[in-house]
Amino acid sequence: MRPRGSLVTLLGLAILILGGCVGGTAACEALPTRVELTLAADGLNPSNPAVCRDREVTLVVTSQVDGILHIHGYDEQLPATEVAAGEMVELSFTAVRSGQFPIELHTEEDAQGSSVGILTVHEP
């Protein structure tokens, strides 16, 4: 019985720790629904935008490169979008699931794509 109790305790602790990473009402109250980002070939600034689940979110992306930008895990809400150097694009969607989602850029030079950032969606 003792090993099972320890396992349950460890699982409970893991849930609390992970919940704290992407959850909390206080964290959501401070998060914006509109996030301004600058996209370069080597990354996104800021590289870790954060929003709250169940909110309508707008990412305002000013791009310094040509390519296709997309967020893994949000393909249905936010399809891959073409970006062009010197232009701004607004990406609006409802944050329907919490977690961390890689933001990827595909360029002519790198058709496979590379990760430029992580979108974190917190629990309300």
N, C-alpha and C. Protein backbone atom coordinates (compact mmCIF):
# COMPACT_ATOMS: atom_id res chain seq x y z
N MET A 1 0.81 -1.19 0.00
CA MET A 1 0.00 0.00 0.00
C MET A 1 0.86 1.26 0.00
N ARG A 2 1.95 1.24 0.66
CA ARG A 2 2.79 2.42 0.79
C ARG A 2 3.31 2.92 -0.56
N PRO A 3 3.82 2.05 -1.47
CA PRO A 3 4.27 2.56 -2.76
C PRO A 3 3.16 3.24 -3.55
N ARG A 4 1.95 2.72 -3.46
CA ARG A 4 0.84 3.33 -4.19
C ARG A 4 0.54 4.72 -3.64
N GLY A 5 0.56 4.86 -2.33
CA GLY A 5 0.33 6.16 -1.71
C GLY A 5 1.38 7.17 -2.14
N SER A 6 2.64 6.73 -2.23
CA SER A 6 3.71 7.62 -2.67
C SER A 6 3.50 8.05 -4.11
N LEU A 7 3.05 7.11 -4.94
CA LEU A 7 2.80 7.43 -6.34
C LEU A 7 1.68 8.46 -6.47
N VAL A 8 0.62 8.26 -5.68
CA VAL A 8 -0.49 9.22 -5.70
C VAL A 8 -0.02 10.59 -5.24
N THR A 9 0.81 10.62 -4.22
CA THR A 9 1.35 11.89 -3.72
C THR A 9 2.20 12.57 -4.79
N LEU A 10 3.06 11.81 -5.46
CA LEU A 10 3.90 12.37 -6.52
C LEU A 10 3.07 12.89 -7.68
N LEU A 11 2.03 12.14 -8.07
CA LEU A 11 1.16 12.60 -9.15
C LEU A 11 0.45 13.90 -8.77
N GLY A 12 -0.03 13.96 -7.55
CA GLY A 12 -0.69 15.18 -7.09
C GLY A 12 0.25 16.37 -7.11
N LEU A 13 1.48 16.14 -6.66
CA LEU A 13 2.48 17.21 -6.66
C LEU A 13 2.79 17.66 -8.09
N ALA A 14 2.93 16.70 -9.00
CA ALA A 14 3.21 17.03 -10.40
C ALA A 14 2.08 17.86 -11.01
N ILE A 15 0.84 17.50 -10.70
CA ILE A 15 -0.31 18.26 -11.22
C ILE A 15 -0.29 19.69 -10.69
N LEU A 16 0.01 19.86 -9.41
CA LEU A 16 0.08 21.21 -8.84
C LEU A 16 1.18 22.04 -9.49
N ILE A 17 2.35 21.42 -9.69
CA ILE A 17 3.47 22.14 -10.29
C ILE A 17 3.15 22.52 -11.72
N LEU A 18 2.64 21.57 -12.51
CA LEU A 18 2.32 21.86 -13.91
C LEU A 18 1.18 22.86 -14.03
N GLY A 19 0.20 22.75 -13.16
CA GLY A 19 -0.90 23.70 -13.17
C GLY A 19 -0.42 25.12 -12.91
N GLY A 20 0.57 25.26 -12.03
CA GLY A 20 1.13 26.57 -11.74
C GLY A 20 1.88 27.15 -12.92
N CYS A 21 2.39 26.28 -13.81
CA CYS A 21 3.15 26.75 -14.96
C CYS A 21 2.27 27.42 -15.99
N VAL A 22 1.05 26.93 -16.18
CA VAL A 22 0.19 27.49 -17.22
C VAL A 22 -1.19 27.86 -16.69
N GLY A 23 -1.32 28.07 -15.40
CA GLY A 23 -2.65 28.33 -14.88
C GLY A 23 -2.69 29.46 -13.88
N GLY A 24 -3.90 29.76 -13.47
CA GLY A 24 -4.09 30.71 -12.39
C GLY A 24 -4.83 31.95 -12.82
N THR A 25 -5.87 32.27 -12.07
CA THR A 25 -6.68 33.44 -12.36
C THR A 25 -5.85 34.72 -12.30
N ALA A 26 -4.98 34.82 -11.31
CA ALA A 26 -4.16 36.03 -11.17
C ALA A 26 -3.27 36.24 -12.39
N ALA A 27 -2.70 35.14 -12.90
CA ALA A 27 -1.85 35.24 -14.09
C ALA A 27 -2.66 35.73 -15.28
N CYS A 28 -3.86 35.23 -15.43
CA CYS A 28 -4.69 35.61 -16.58
C CYS A 28 -5.14 37.06 -16.53
N GLU A 29 -5.40 37.57 -15.35
CA GLU A 29 -5.85 38.95 -15.23
C GLU A 29 -4.80 39.92 -15.76
N ALA A 30 -3.53 39.56 -15.65
CA ALA A 30 -2.45 40.44 -16.07
C ALA A 30 -2.08 40.26 -17.53
N LEU A 31 -2.61 39.24 -18.19
CA LEU A 31 -2.21 38.95 -19.57
C LEU A 31 -3.02 39.76 -20.58
N PRO A 32 -2.35 40.22 -21.63
CA PRO A 32 -3.04 41.01 -22.66
C PRO A 32 -3.84 40.11 -23.60
N THR A 33 -4.77 40.71 -24.33
CA THR A 33 -5.47 40.00 -25.40
C THR A 33 -4.91 40.43 -26.75
N ARG A 34 -4.09 41.46 -26.74
CA ARG A 34 -3.42 41.95 -27.95
C ARG A 34 -1.91 41.97 -27.66
N VAL A 35 -1.14 41.23 -28.47
CA VAL A 35 0.29 41.10 -28.24
C VAL A 35 1.04 41.54 -29.49
N GLU A 36 1.96 42.48 -29.33
CA GLU A 36 2.77 42.96 -30.45
C GLU A 36 4.08 42.19 -30.50
N LEU A 37 4.40 41.66 -31.70
CA LEU A 37 5.57 40.82 -31.90
C LEU A 37 6.37 41.31 -33.09
N THR A 38 7.69 41.13 -33.04
CA THR A 38 8.56 41.40 -34.18
C THR A 38 9.17 40.08 -34.60
N LEU A 39 9.03 39.75 -35.88
CA LEU A 39 9.51 38.48 -36.41
C LEU A 39 10.75 38.71 -37.26
N ALA A 40 11.84 38.01 -36.90
CA ALA A 40 13.07 38.03 -37.68
C ALA A 40 13.38 36.59 -38.08
N ALA A 41 14.33 36.41 -38.97
CA ALA A 41 14.68 35.07 -39.44
C ALA A 41 15.17 34.18 -38.30
N ASP A 42 15.78 34.78 -37.29
CA ASP A 42 16.34 33.98 -36.21
C ASP A 42 15.49 33.96 -34.94
N GLY A 43 14.31 34.57 -34.98
CA GLY A 43 13.47 34.51 -33.79
C GLY A 43 12.36 35.53 -33.76
N LEU A 44 11.62 35.47 -32.68
CA LEU A 44 10.47 36.32 -32.45
C LEU A 44 10.77 37.15 -31.20
N ASN A 45 10.34 38.41 -31.19
CA ASN A 45 10.55 39.24 -30.02
C ASN A 45 9.22 39.84 -29.59
N PRO A 46 8.72 39.58 -28.40
CA PRO A 46 9.27 38.62 -27.45
C PRO A 46 9.08 37.19 -27.96
N SER A 47 9.96 36.30 -27.51
CA SER A 47 9.95 34.93 -28.02
C SER A 47 8.93 34.05 -27.32
N ASN A 48 8.35 34.54 -26.24
CA ASN A 48 7.42 33.72 -25.47
C ASN A 48 6.13 34.47 -25.14
N PRO A 49 5.34 34.84 -26.14
CA PRO A 49 4.09 35.54 -25.83
C PRO A 49 3.17 34.65 -25.01
N ALA A 50 2.42 35.26 -24.11
CA ALA A 50 1.51 34.52 -23.25
C ALA A 50 0.13 35.16 -23.25
N VAL A 51 -0.89 34.32 -23.31
CA VAL A 51 -2.28 34.76 -23.30
C VAL A 51 -3.06 33.81 -22.39
N CYS A 52 -4.36 34.03 -22.29
CA CYS A 52 -5.20 33.21 -21.43
C CYS A 52 -6.24 32.46 -22.26
N ARG A 53 -6.50 31.22 -21.86
CA ARG A 53 -7.48 30.39 -22.57
C ARG A 53 -8.87 31.04 -22.51
N ASP A 54 -9.65 30.78 -23.54
CA ASP A 54 -11.04 31.24 -23.69
C ASP A 54 -11.16 32.73 -23.98
N ARG A 55 -10.07 33.36 -24.36
CA ARG A 55 -10.12 34.77 -24.74
C ARG A 55 -9.88 34.92 -26.24
N GLU A 56 -10.45 35.97 -26.80
CA GLU A 56 -10.16 36.34 -28.18
C GLU A 56 -8.82 37.07 -28.16
N VAL A 57 -7.86 36.55 -28.93
CA VAL A 57 -6.49 37.05 -28.91
C VAL A 57 -6.12 37.61 -30.28
N THR A 58 -5.36 38.69 -30.29
CA THR A 58 -4.80 39.22 -31.53
C THR A 58 -3.29 39.32 -31.38
N LEU A 59 -2.57 38.64 -32.28
CA LEU A 59 -1.12 38.77 -32.35
C LEU A 59 -0.83 39.73 -33.49
N VAL A 60 -0.16 40.83 -33.19
CA VAL A 60 0.20 41.82 -34.20
C VAL A 60 1.68 41.56 -34.53
N VAL A 61 1.91 41.03 -35.73
CA VAL A 61 3.26 40.61 -36.11
C VAL A 61 3.83 41.57 -37.14
N THR A 62 4.94 42.23 -36.77
CA THR A 62 5.69 43.04 -37.72
C THR A 62 6.86 42.17 -38.17
N SER A 63 6.89 41.88 -39.46
CA SER A 63 7.88 40.94 -39.97
C SER A 63 9.06 41.65 -40.63
N GLN A 64 10.24 41.07 -40.39
CA GLN A 64 11.45 41.54 -41.04
C GLN A 64 11.88 40.57 -42.14
N VAL A 65 11.09 39.52 -42.35
CA VAL A 65 11.41 38.48 -43.34
C VAL A 65 10.15 38.04 -44.07
N ASP A 66 10.36 37.44 -45.24
CA ASP A 66 9.27 36.82 -45.98
C ASP A 66 9.17 35.37 -45.55
N GLY A 67 7.96 34.86 -45.46
CA GLY A 67 7.79 33.46 -45.12
C GLY A 67 6.36 33.11 -44.75
N ILE A 68 6.22 31.93 -44.19
CA ILE A 68 4.93 31.44 -43.72
C ILE A 68 5.07 31.20 -42.22
N LEU A 69 4.16 31.77 -41.45
CA LEU A 69 4.18 31.66 -39.99
C LEU A 69 3.01 30.80 -39.55
N HIS A 70 3.28 29.86 -38.63
CA HIS A 70 2.16 29.13 -38.05
C HIS A 70 2.47 28.65 -36.65
N ILE A 71 1.37 28.38 -35.91
CA ILE A 71 1.48 27.95 -34.52
C ILE A 71 0.98 26.52 -34.42
N HIS A 72 1.88 25.61 -34.08
CA HIS A 72 1.50 24.20 -33.92
C HIS A 72 0.45 24.07 -32.83
N GLY A 73 -0.59 23.28 -33.12
CA GLY A 73 -1.64 23.07 -32.14
C GLY A 73 -2.80 24.04 -32.28
N TYR A 74 -2.62 25.07 -33.07
CA TYR A 74 -3.67 26.05 -33.31
C TYR A 74 -3.99 26.18 -34.80
N ASP A 75 -3.74 25.10 -35.54
CA ASP A 75 -3.92 25.11 -36.98
C ASP A 75 -5.37 25.39 -37.39
N GLU A 76 -6.34 24.87 -36.64
CA GLU A 76 -7.75 25.10 -36.98
C GLU A 76 -8.18 26.53 -36.70
N GLN A 77 -7.75 27.09 -35.59
CA GLN A 77 -8.13 28.45 -35.22
C GLN A 77 -7.33 29.50 -35.98
N LEU A 78 -6.12 29.15 -36.36
CA LEU A 78 -5.21 30.11 -36.97
C LEU A 78 -4.38 29.43 -38.06
N PRO A 79 -4.88 29.41 -39.29
CA PRO A 79 -4.14 28.74 -40.36
C PRO A 79 -2.78 29.41 -40.63
N ALA A 80 -1.88 28.66 -41.24
CA ALA A 80 -0.57 29.20 -41.63
C ALA A 80 -0.80 30.50 -42.40
N THR A 81 0.01 31.52 -42.09
CA THR A 81 -0.19 32.85 -42.65
C THR A 81 1.08 33.35 -43.31
N GLU A 82 0.92 33.90 -44.50
CA GLU A 82 2.07 34.48 -45.21
C GLU A 82 2.42 35.82 -44.58
N VAL A 83 3.72 36.02 -44.35
CA VAL A 83 4.22 37.29 -43.83
C VAL A 83 5.25 37.83 -44.82
N ALA A 84 5.40 39.15 -44.86
CA ALA A 84 6.34 39.79 -45.78
C ALA A 84 7.17 40.82 -45.02
N ALA A 85 8.44 40.91 -45.39
CA ALA A 85 9.35 41.87 -44.76
C ALA A 85 8.79 43.28 -44.87
N GLY A 86 8.82 44.00 -43.76
CA GLY A 86 8.36 45.38 -43.75
C GLY A 86 6.86 45.54 -43.58
N GLU A 87 6.14 44.43 -43.46
CA GLU A 87 4.69 44.51 -43.32
C GLU A 87 4.23 44.01 -41.95
N MET A 88 3.03 44.44 -41.59
CA MET A 88 2.43 44.00 -40.33
C MET A 88 1.20 43.18 -40.66
N VAL A 89 0.99 42.12 -39.90
CA VAL A 89 -0.20 41.30 -40.06
C VAL A 89 -0.82 41.07 -38.69
N GLU A 90 -2.15 41.09 -38.62
CA GLU A 90 -2.85 40.83 -37.37
C GLU A 90 -3.47 39.44 -37.45
N LEU A 91 -3.14 38.60 -36.48
CA LEU A 91 -3.65 37.24 -36.42
C LEU A 91 -4.60 37.15 -35.23
N SER A 92 -5.89 36.98 -35.49
CA SER A 92 -6.88 36.92 -34.42
C SER A 92 -7.47 35.52 -34.33
N PHE A 93 -7.63 35.05 -33.10
CA PHE A 93 -8.17 33.71 -32.87
C PHE A 93 -8.64 33.61 -31.42
N THR A 94 -9.43 32.58 -31.14
CA THR A 94 -9.83 32.30 -29.77
C THR A 94 -8.88 31.25 -29.22
N ALA A 95 -8.29 31.54 -28.07
CA ALA A 95 -7.37 30.60 -27.43
C ALA A 95 -8.21 29.50 -26.77
N VAL A 96 -8.39 28.39 -27.47
CA VAL A 96 -9.29 27.34 -27.01
C VAL A 96 -8.64 26.26 -26.16
N ARG A 97 -7.31 26.17 -26.17
CA ARG A 97 -6.64 25.15 -25.35
C ARG A 97 -5.41 25.73 -24.69
N SER A 98 -5.17 25.28 -23.48
CA SER A 98 -4.00 25.77 -22.74
C SER A 98 -2.80 24.89 -23.01
N GLY A 99 -1.63 25.44 -22.74
CA GLY A 99 -0.38 24.72 -22.93
C GLY A 99 0.64 25.61 -23.60
N GLN A 100 1.68 24.97 -24.11
CA GLN A 100 2.73 25.70 -24.83
C GLN A 100 2.77 25.20 -26.26
N PHE A 101 2.80 26.12 -27.22
CA PHE A 101 2.68 25.80 -28.63
C PHE A 101 3.80 26.45 -29.42
N PRO A 102 4.61 25.64 -30.12
CA PRO A 102 5.72 26.19 -30.91
C PRO A 102 5.21 27.09 -32.04
N ILE A 103 5.88 28.21 -32.22
CA ILE A 103 5.60 29.12 -33.32
C ILE A 103 6.70 28.88 -34.34
N GLU A 104 6.32 28.57 -35.57
CA GLU A 104 7.29 28.16 -36.58
C GLU A 104 7.25 29.07 -37.80
N LEU A 105 8.42 29.32 -38.36
CA LEU A 105 8.56 30.14 -39.56
C LEU A 105 9.16 29.28 -40.67
N HIS A 106 8.50 29.30 -41.83
CA HIS A 106 9.00 28.62 -43.03
C HIS A 106 9.41 29.70 -44.03
N THR A 107 10.66 29.66 -44.48
CA THR A 107 11.14 30.63 -45.46
C THR A 107 11.57 29.88 -46.71
N GLU A 108 11.86 30.65 -47.75
CA GLU A 108 12.33 30.04 -49.00
C GLU A 108 13.63 29.28 -48.75
N GLU A 109 14.48 29.82 -47.89
CA GLU A 109 15.75 29.17 -47.59
C GLU A 109 15.59 27.97 -46.66
N ASP A 110 14.53 27.96 -45.87
CA ASP A 110 14.30 26.90 -44.89
C ASP A 110 12.85 26.43 -44.98
N ALA A 111 12.55 25.64 -46.02
CA ALA A 111 11.18 25.19 -46.27
C ALA A 111 10.68 24.27 -45.16
N GLN A 112 11.60 23.56 -44.48
CA GLN A 112 11.21 22.68 -43.37
C GLN A 112 10.70 23.49 -42.19
N GLY A 113 11.17 24.72 -42.06
CA GLY A 113 10.74 25.59 -40.98
C GLY A 113 11.62 25.47 -39.76
N SER A 114 11.59 26.52 -38.97
CA SER A 114 12.33 26.53 -37.71
C SER A 114 11.49 27.23 -36.65
N SER A 115 11.67 26.79 -35.41
CA SER A 115 10.94 27.37 -34.29
C SER A 115 11.51 28.75 -34.00
N VAL A 116 10.60 29.73 -33.89
CA VAL A 116 11.02 31.11 -33.58
C VAL A 116 10.51 31.57 -32.23
N GLY A 117 9.66 30.77 -31.62
CA GLY A 117 9.11 31.14 -30.31
C GLY A 117 8.13 30.11 -29.80
N ILE A 118 7.57 30.39 -28.63
CA ILE A 118 6.59 29.52 -27.99
C ILE A 118 5.42 30.38 -27.51
N LEU A 119 4.21 30.02 -27.92
CA LEU A 119 3.01 30.67 -27.41
C LEU A 119 2.54 29.88 -26.18
N THR A 120 2.41 30.57 -25.05
CA THR A 120 1.89 29.94 -23.85
C THR A 120 0.47 30.42 -23.63
N VAL A 121 -0.45 29.46 -23.48
CA VAL A 121 -1.84 29.78 -23.19
C VAL A 121 -2.13 29.27 -21.79
N HIS A 122 -2.39 30.21 -20.88
CA HIS A 122 -2.63 29.88 -19.47
C HIS A 122 -4.09 29.52 -19.23
N GLU A 123 -4.31 28.73 -18.21
CA GLU A 123 -5.68 28.43 -17.74
C GLU A 123 -6.24 29.66 -17.05
N PRO A 124 -7.52 29.91 -17.21
CA PRO A 124 -8.12 31.06 -16.52
C PRO A 124 -8.23 30.81 -15.02
